[in-house]
Amino acid sequence: MPTPADLEEKLWKALQSDRAVMLRLDGAAEPMTAQFDKGRDHGPLYIFTSKKSDIVRSLGRPRRAEIVFVGKSHDIFATVEGDLTVDSDPALIDRLWNPFVAAWFEGGQNDPDLQLLEFRPAEAQIWETTTACSRACV
């Protein structure tokens, strides 16, 4: 049976590979694509989204949020709690920018609707399909 550290490592690898998550804040949940800054394998996670999204409109200040993740092969499941904040650092936006993000924002990195969010994981519940529920700190 894997240890909590084993499950945590498997979660981080799966997140880096699959990147699709549900981001939840105050009952609003939206599918998002999570990204990592180069050289940071264990967070924080960054998410490009619209300033018009329900999550951004209700954020206002740093808040506790949740990410729900299912690996593409359905071998790992997780709920991750952490702090969600708005990040407007142009250098970070430039480092994370890619063609997939660009497809959503006609104005590029200066699009007035562009918002970058930062999610700092704090605690997770991680399940592997071959094991029982395990709790791990991230």
N, C-alpha and C. Protein backbone atom coordinates (compact mmCIF):
# COMPACT_ATOMS: atom_id res chain seq x y z
N MET A 1 0.85 -1.18 0.00
CA MET A 1 0.00 0.00 0.00
C MET A 1 0.89 1.24 0.00
N PRO A 2 0.60 2.21 -0.89
CA PRO A 2 1.45 3.40 -0.97
C PRO A 2 1.32 4.26 0.29
N THR A 3 2.38 4.95 0.60
CA THR A 3 2.39 5.88 1.73
C THR A 3 1.73 7.19 1.29
N PRO A 4 1.36 8.05 2.25
CA PRO A 4 0.85 9.37 1.86
C PRO A 4 1.84 10.14 0.98
N ALA A 5 3.14 10.01 1.24
CA ALA A 5 4.14 10.69 0.41
C ALA A 5 4.13 10.14 -1.02
N ASP A 6 3.94 8.84 -1.17
CA ASP A 6 3.85 8.23 -2.50
C ASP A 6 2.64 8.78 -3.26
N LEU A 7 1.51 8.87 -2.56
CA LEU A 7 0.29 9.39 -3.20
C LEU A 7 0.45 10.86 -3.57
N GLU A 8 1.09 11.61 -2.70
CA GLU A 8 1.32 13.02 -2.99
C GLU A 8 2.18 13.19 -4.23
N GLU A 9 3.23 12.41 -4.34
CA GLU A 9 4.11 12.49 -5.52
C GLU A 9 3.36 12.10 -6.79
N LYS A 10 2.52 11.06 -6.68
CA LYS A 10 1.73 10.63 -7.83
C LYS A 10 0.75 11.73 -8.25
N LEU A 11 0.16 12.42 -7.25
CA LEU A 11 -0.75 13.51 -7.56
C LEU A 11 -0.03 14.62 -8.31
N TRP A 12 1.13 15.05 -7.83
CA TRP A 12 1.86 16.14 -8.49
C TRP A 12 2.23 15.77 -9.93
N LYS A 13 2.67 14.54 -10.14
CA LYS A 13 3.01 14.10 -11.50
C LYS A 13 1.78 14.11 -12.40
N ALA A 14 0.66 13.63 -11.87
CA ALA A 14 -0.57 13.59 -12.66
C ALA A 14 -1.06 15.01 -12.97
N LEU A 15 -0.98 15.91 -12.00
CA LEU A 15 -1.38 17.31 -12.24
C LEU A 15 -0.53 17.96 -13.32
N GLN A 16 0.77 17.70 -13.28
CA GLN A 16 1.66 18.29 -14.29
C GLN A 16 1.35 17.74 -15.67
N SER A 17 0.93 16.50 -15.74
CA SER A 17 0.64 15.87 -17.02
C SER A 17 -0.76 16.23 -17.53
N ASP A 18 -1.76 16.11 -16.68
CA ASP A 18 -3.15 16.23 -17.11
C ASP A 18 -3.67 17.66 -17.03
N ARG A 19 -3.40 18.38 -15.98
CA ARG A 19 -3.64 19.80 -15.77
C ARG A 19 -5.10 20.25 -15.72
N ALA A 20 -6.07 19.41 -16.06
CA ALA A 20 -7.47 19.81 -16.01
C ALA A 20 -8.01 19.61 -14.60
N VAL A 21 -8.58 20.68 -14.03
CA VAL A 21 -9.11 20.63 -12.67
C VAL A 21 -10.45 21.34 -12.64
N MET A 22 -11.20 21.09 -11.58
CA MET A 22 -12.38 21.90 -11.26
C MET A 22 -11.95 22.78 -10.11
N LEU A 23 -12.09 24.08 -10.27
CA LEU A 23 -11.75 25.05 -9.24
C LEU A 23 -13.05 25.50 -8.58
N ARG A 24 -13.09 25.40 -7.25
CA ARG A 24 -14.31 25.71 -6.50
C ARG A 24 -14.06 26.83 -5.50
N LEU A 25 -14.99 27.79 -5.49
CA LEU A 25 -14.94 28.89 -4.52
C LEU A 25 -16.38 29.28 -4.21
N ASP A 26 -16.75 29.21 -2.95
CA ASP A 26 -18.10 29.61 -2.51
C ASP A 26 -19.21 28.95 -3.32
N GLY A 27 -19.09 27.69 -3.61
CA GLY A 27 -20.13 26.98 -4.34
C GLY A 27 -20.04 27.09 -5.84
N ALA A 28 -19.32 28.08 -6.35
CA ALA A 28 -19.11 28.18 -7.80
C ALA A 28 -17.96 27.26 -8.18
N ALA A 29 -18.15 26.47 -9.20
CA ALA A 29 -17.09 25.57 -9.67
C ALA A 29 -16.96 25.72 -11.18
N GLU A 30 -15.72 25.82 -11.64
CA GLU A 30 -15.47 25.97 -13.07
C GLU A 30 -14.30 25.10 -13.48
N PRO A 31 -14.39 24.47 -14.67
CA PRO A 31 -13.24 23.71 -15.16
C PRO A 31 -12.13 24.68 -15.57
N MET A 32 -10.92 24.36 -15.18
CA MET A 32 -9.77 25.21 -15.45
C MET A 32 -8.57 24.36 -15.84
N THR A 33 -7.56 25.01 -16.40
CA THR A 33 -6.30 24.36 -16.71
C THR A 33 -5.24 24.93 -15.78
N ALA A 34 -4.64 24.06 -14.98
CA ALA A 34 -3.61 24.48 -14.02
C ALA A 34 -2.24 24.40 -14.67
N GLN A 35 -1.39 25.35 -14.31
CA GLN A 35 -0.02 25.38 -14.82
C GLN A 35 0.95 25.55 -13.66
N PHE A 36 2.17 25.10 -13.88
CA PHE A 36 3.24 25.27 -12.91
C PHE A 36 4.26 26.24 -13.48
N ASP A 37 4.84 27.06 -12.62
CA ASP A 37 5.96 27.90 -13.03
C ASP A 37 7.16 26.98 -13.23
N LYS A 38 8.01 27.30 -14.17
CA LYS A 38 9.17 26.45 -14.48
C LYS A 38 10.02 26.21 -13.23
N GLY A 39 10.39 24.94 -13.03
CA GLY A 39 11.24 24.57 -11.91
C GLY A 39 10.51 24.40 -10.60
N ARG A 40 9.20 24.58 -10.58
CA ARG A 40 8.43 24.42 -9.34
C ARG A 40 7.45 23.26 -9.53
N ASP A 41 7.85 22.10 -9.09
CA ASP A 41 7.07 20.89 -9.34
C ASP A 41 5.92 20.67 -8.37
N HIS A 42 5.90 21.38 -7.26
CA HIS A 42 4.90 21.11 -6.23
C HIS A 42 4.10 22.35 -5.88
N GLY A 43 3.86 23.19 -6.83
CA GLY A 43 3.02 24.35 -6.60
C GLY A 43 3.84 25.60 -6.38
N PRO A 44 3.18 26.73 -6.35
CA PRO A 44 1.74 26.90 -6.52
C PRO A 44 1.28 26.57 -7.94
N LEU A 45 -0.03 26.47 -8.10
CA LEU A 45 -0.63 26.27 -9.41
C LEU A 45 -1.12 27.62 -9.91
N TYR A 46 -1.03 27.83 -11.21
CA TYR A 46 -1.49 29.07 -11.82
C TYR A 46 -2.57 28.76 -12.83
N ILE A 47 -3.57 29.65 -12.89
CA ILE A 47 -4.71 29.44 -13.76
C ILE A 47 -5.04 30.75 -14.47
N PHE A 48 -5.04 30.73 -15.79
CA PHE A 48 -5.52 31.88 -16.57
C PHE A 48 -7.03 31.75 -16.72
N THR A 49 -7.71 32.85 -16.51
CA THR A 49 -9.16 32.85 -16.66
C THR A 49 -9.64 34.25 -17.03
N SER A 50 -10.93 34.38 -17.14
CA SER A 50 -11.56 35.66 -17.48
C SER A 50 -11.90 36.44 -16.22
N LYS A 51 -11.73 37.74 -16.28
CA LYS A 51 -12.15 38.60 -15.17
C LYS A 51 -13.66 38.55 -14.97
N LYS A 52 -14.38 38.07 -15.98
CA LYS A 52 -15.84 37.97 -15.90
C LYS A 52 -16.31 36.65 -15.29
N SER A 53 -15.39 35.74 -14.98
CA SER A 53 -15.80 34.44 -14.43
C SER A 53 -16.39 34.64 -13.03
N ASP A 54 -17.30 33.76 -12.66
CA ASP A 54 -17.93 33.84 -11.34
C ASP A 54 -16.88 33.79 -10.23
N ILE A 55 -15.85 32.98 -10.43
CA ILE A 55 -14.82 32.84 -9.40
C ILE A 55 -14.06 34.15 -9.21
N VAL A 56 -13.63 34.77 -10.29
CA VAL A 56 -12.88 36.03 -10.17
C VAL A 56 -13.76 37.12 -9.57
N ARG A 57 -15.01 37.19 -10.00
CA ARG A 57 -15.91 38.23 -9.47
C ARG A 57 -16.17 38.07 -7.98
N SER A 58 -16.13 36.85 -7.48
CA SER A 58 -16.40 36.65 -6.05
C SER A 58 -15.11 36.60 -5.22
N LEU A 59 -13.96 36.63 -5.87
CA LEU A 59 -12.69 36.49 -5.14
C LEU A 59 -12.37 37.73 -4.33
N GLY A 60 -12.11 38.85 -4.96
CA GLY A 60 -11.86 40.09 -4.25
C GLY A 60 -10.60 40.13 -3.41
N ARG A 61 -10.44 39.21 -2.51
CA ARG A 61 -9.28 39.13 -1.62
C ARG A 61 -8.84 37.67 -1.56
N PRO A 62 -7.65 37.38 -1.05
CA PRO A 62 -7.23 35.97 -0.94
C PRO A 62 -8.26 35.17 -0.15
N ARG A 63 -8.59 34.01 -0.67
CA ARG A 63 -9.63 33.17 -0.06
C ARG A 63 -9.25 31.71 -0.12
N ARG A 64 -9.86 30.92 0.74
CA ARG A 64 -9.70 29.48 0.72
C ARG A 64 -10.53 28.94 -0.42
N ALA A 65 -9.95 28.06 -1.23
CA ALA A 65 -10.63 27.47 -2.37
C ALA A 65 -10.29 25.98 -2.42
N GLU A 66 -10.87 25.30 -3.39
CA GLU A 66 -10.64 23.87 -3.53
C GLU A 66 -10.48 23.52 -5.00
N ILE A 67 -9.54 22.63 -5.26
CA ILE A 67 -9.38 22.05 -6.58
C ILE A 67 -9.78 20.58 -6.50
N VAL A 68 -10.58 20.15 -7.45
CA VAL A 68 -10.95 18.74 -7.57
C VAL A 68 -10.28 18.22 -8.82
N PHE A 69 -9.60 17.08 -8.69
CA PHE A 69 -8.81 16.55 -9.79
C PHE A 69 -9.09 15.06 -9.98
N VAL A 70 -9.22 14.66 -11.25
CA VAL A 70 -9.33 13.26 -11.63
C VAL A 70 -8.30 13.03 -12.72
N GLY A 71 -7.39 12.09 -12.51
CA GLY A 71 -6.40 11.76 -13.53
C GLY A 71 -7.06 11.22 -14.79
N LYS A 72 -6.44 11.46 -15.93
CA LYS A 72 -7.02 11.03 -17.21
C LYS A 72 -7.31 9.53 -17.25
N SER A 73 -6.46 8.75 -16.62
CA SER A 73 -6.66 7.29 -16.64
C SER A 73 -7.52 6.84 -15.46
N HIS A 74 -8.08 7.78 -14.71
CA HIS A 74 -8.94 7.50 -13.56
C HIS A 74 -8.27 6.62 -12.52
N ASP A 75 -6.97 6.77 -12.37
CA ASP A 75 -6.25 5.98 -11.37
C ASP A 75 -5.94 6.80 -10.12
N ILE A 76 -6.17 8.13 -10.19
CA ILE A 76 -5.94 8.98 -9.03
C ILE A 76 -7.01 10.08 -9.00
N PHE A 77 -7.50 10.33 -7.79
CA PHE A 77 -8.52 11.34 -7.55
C PHE A 77 -8.05 12.18 -6.37
N ALA A 78 -8.40 13.47 -6.36
CA ALA A 78 -7.97 14.29 -5.23
C ALA A 78 -8.87 15.51 -5.07
N THR A 79 -8.98 15.96 -3.84
CA THR A 79 -9.49 17.28 -3.53
C THR A 79 -8.35 17.99 -2.80
N VAL A 80 -8.04 19.18 -3.25
CA VAL A 80 -6.92 19.93 -2.69
C VAL A 80 -7.44 21.28 -2.22
N GLU A 81 -7.25 21.57 -0.94
CA GLU A 81 -7.63 22.87 -0.40
C GLU A 81 -6.41 23.77 -0.38
N GLY A 82 -6.65 25.06 -0.60
CA GLY A 82 -5.54 26.00 -0.56
C GLY A 82 -6.04 27.42 -0.68
N ASP A 83 -5.10 28.34 -0.73
CA ASP A 83 -5.42 29.76 -0.83
C ASP A 83 -5.38 30.22 -2.28
N LEU A 84 -6.41 30.93 -2.68
CA LEU A 84 -6.54 31.43 -4.05
C LEU A 84 -6.43 32.95 -4.03
N THR A 85 -5.54 33.47 -4.89
CA THR A 85 -5.34 34.91 -4.99
C THR A 85 -5.24 35.32 -6.45
N VAL A 86 -5.42 36.60 -6.68
CA VAL A 86 -5.20 37.19 -8.00
C VAL A 86 -3.72 37.52 -8.12
N ASP A 87 -3.13 37.23 -9.27
CA ASP A 87 -1.72 37.56 -9.51
C ASP A 87 -1.65 38.34 -10.81
N SER A 88 -1.06 39.51 -10.76
CA SER A 88 -0.97 40.37 -11.95
C SER A 88 0.47 40.63 -12.37
N ASP A 89 1.39 39.80 -11.95
CA ASP A 89 2.81 39.97 -12.26
C ASP A 89 3.05 39.76 -13.75
N PRO A 90 3.41 40.81 -14.50
CA PRO A 90 3.61 40.66 -15.95
C PRO A 90 4.72 39.66 -16.30
N ALA A 91 5.76 39.58 -15.49
CA ALA A 91 6.85 38.63 -15.78
C ALA A 91 6.35 37.20 -15.64
N LEU A 92 5.52 36.93 -14.65
CA LEU A 92 4.96 35.59 -14.46
C LEU A 92 4.00 35.26 -15.59
N ILE A 93 3.16 36.20 -15.96
CA ILE A 93 2.24 35.99 -17.08
C ILE A 93 3.03 35.66 -18.34
N ASP A 94 4.11 36.37 -18.57
CA ASP A 94 4.94 36.13 -19.74
C ASP A 94 5.56 34.72 -19.70
N ARG A 95 6.04 34.28 -18.53
CA ARG A 95 6.65 32.94 -18.41
C ARG A 95 5.63 31.83 -18.64
N LEU A 96 4.41 32.04 -18.18
CA LEU A 96 3.38 31.00 -18.28
C LEU A 96 2.62 31.03 -19.60
N TRP A 97 2.73 32.12 -20.34
CA TRP A 97 1.97 32.31 -21.58
C TRP A 97 2.31 31.21 -22.57
N ASN A 98 1.31 30.70 -23.27
CA ASN A 98 1.52 29.65 -24.27
C ASN A 98 0.40 29.73 -25.31
N PRO A 99 0.52 29.01 -26.41
CA PRO A 99 -0.49 29.10 -27.47
C PRO A 99 -1.90 28.70 -27.03
N PHE A 100 -2.02 27.80 -26.06
CA PHE A 100 -3.34 27.38 -25.60
C PHE A 100 -4.05 28.51 -24.86
N VAL A 101 -3.30 29.25 -24.05
CA VAL A 101 -3.87 30.41 -23.35
C VAL A 101 -4.17 31.51 -24.37
N ALA A 102 -3.25 31.73 -25.28
CA ALA A 102 -3.42 32.79 -26.28
C ALA A 102 -4.69 32.60 -27.10
N ALA A 103 -5.10 31.36 -27.32
CA ALA A 103 -6.31 31.09 -28.10
C ALA A 103 -7.57 31.65 -27.43
N TRP A 104 -7.54 31.88 -26.13
CA TRP A 104 -8.69 32.37 -25.39
C TRP A 104 -8.72 33.89 -25.25
N PHE A 105 -7.60 34.54 -25.52
CA PHE A 105 -7.52 35.98 -25.27
C PHE A 105 -7.01 36.70 -26.52
N GLU A 106 -7.95 37.33 -27.24
CA GLU A 106 -7.62 38.00 -28.51
C GLU A 106 -6.59 39.09 -28.33
N GLY A 107 -6.59 39.76 -27.20
CA GLY A 107 -5.67 40.85 -26.95
C GLY A 107 -4.33 40.39 -26.40
N GLY A 108 -4.09 39.09 -26.42
CA GLY A 108 -2.82 38.56 -25.92
C GLY A 108 -2.64 38.82 -24.44
N GLN A 109 -1.40 38.99 -24.04
CA GLN A 109 -1.08 39.17 -22.63
C GLN A 109 -1.63 40.48 -22.07
N ASN A 110 -2.00 41.40 -22.94
CA ASN A 110 -2.55 42.69 -22.49
C ASN A 110 -4.07 42.74 -22.63
N ASP A 111 -4.70 41.61 -22.89
CA ASP A 111 -6.16 41.55 -23.02
C ASP A 111 -6.79 42.06 -21.72
N PRO A 112 -7.72 43.00 -21.80
CA PRO A 112 -8.32 43.56 -20.58
C PRO A 112 -9.12 42.53 -19.78
N ASP A 113 -9.50 41.43 -20.38
CA ASP A 113 -10.28 40.39 -19.70
C ASP A 113 -9.40 39.33 -19.03
N LEU A 114 -8.10 39.37 -19.28
CA LEU A 114 -7.17 38.35 -18.77
C LEU A 114 -6.96 38.48 -17.27
N GLN A 115 -7.09 37.37 -16.57
CA GLN A 115 -6.78 37.33 -15.14
C GLN A 115 -6.00 36.06 -14.82
N LEU A 116 -4.90 36.21 -14.12
CA LEU A 116 -4.12 35.07 -13.65
C LEU A 116 -4.43 34.85 -12.18
N LEU A 117 -4.72 33.61 -11.83
CA LEU A 117 -4.97 33.24 -10.44
C LEU A 117 -3.83 32.37 -9.94
N GLU A 118 -3.53 32.48 -8.66
CA GLU A 118 -2.52 31.65 -8.02
C GLU A 118 -3.20 30.83 -6.94
N PHE A 119 -2.99 29.52 -6.98
CA PHE A 119 -3.55 28.60 -5.99
C PHE A 119 -2.39 27.96 -5.23
N ARG A 120 -2.34 28.22 -3.92
CA ARG A 120 -1.28 27.66 -3.06
C ARG A 120 -1.86 26.50 -2.26
N PRO A 121 -1.55 25.26 -2.66
CA PRO A 121 -2.10 24.09 -1.98
C PRO A 121 -1.67 24.04 -0.51
N ALA A 122 -2.58 23.56 0.34
CA ALA A 122 -2.29 23.43 1.76
C ALA A 122 -2.52 22.00 2.24
N GLU A 123 -3.63 21.40 1.84
CA GLU A 123 -3.96 20.06 2.32
C GLU A 123 -4.76 19.34 1.23
N ALA A 124 -4.57 18.02 1.15
CA ALA A 124 -5.25 17.26 0.11
C ALA A 124 -5.76 15.93 0.65
N GLN A 125 -6.83 15.48 0.04
CA GLN A 125 -7.27 14.10 0.20
C GLN A 125 -7.02 13.45 -1.15
N ILE A 126 -6.28 12.36 -1.13
CA ILE A 126 -5.87 11.71 -2.38
C ILE A 126 -6.33 10.26 -2.36
N TRP A 127 -6.96 9.84 -3.44
CA TRP A 127 -7.37 8.46 -3.57
C TRP A 127 -6.71 7.86 -4.80
N GLU A 128 -6.26 6.66 -4.66
CA GLU A 128 -5.76 5.88 -5.80
C GLU A 128 -6.76 4.74 -5.97
N THR A 129 -7.10 4.38 -7.19
CA THR A 129 -8.15 3.39 -7.39
C THR A 129 -7.81 2.03 -6.79
N THR A 130 -6.54 1.78 -6.54
CA THR A 130 -6.17 0.49 -5.97
C THR A 130 -6.00 0.55 -4.46
N THR A 131 -6.23 1.72 -3.85
CA THR A 131 -6.04 1.86 -2.41
C THR A 131 -7.23 2.55 -1.77
N ALA A 132 -7.24 2.52 -0.47
CA ALA A 132 -8.26 3.27 0.27
C ALA A 132 -7.86 4.74 0.34
N CYS A 133 -8.77 5.55 0.82
CA CYS A 133 -8.49 6.98 0.95
C CYS A 133 -7.29 7.21 1.83
N SER A 134 -6.47 8.15 1.43
CA SER A 134 -5.31 8.53 2.23
C SER A 134 -5.25 10.03 2.27
N ARG A 135 -4.78 10.57 3.37
CA ARG A 135 -4.69 12.02 3.53
C ARG A 135 -3.22 12.41 3.48
N ALA A 136 -2.91 13.45 2.76
CA ALA A 136 -1.52 13.90 2.65
C ALA A 136 -1.46 15.41 2.65
N CYS A 137 -0.47 15.97 3.26
CA CYS A 137 -0.24 17.41 3.18
C CYS A 137 0.56 17.69 1.92
N VAL A 138 0.17 18.73 1.24
CA VAL A 138 0.91 19.13 0.04
C VAL A 138 1.54 20.42 0.36
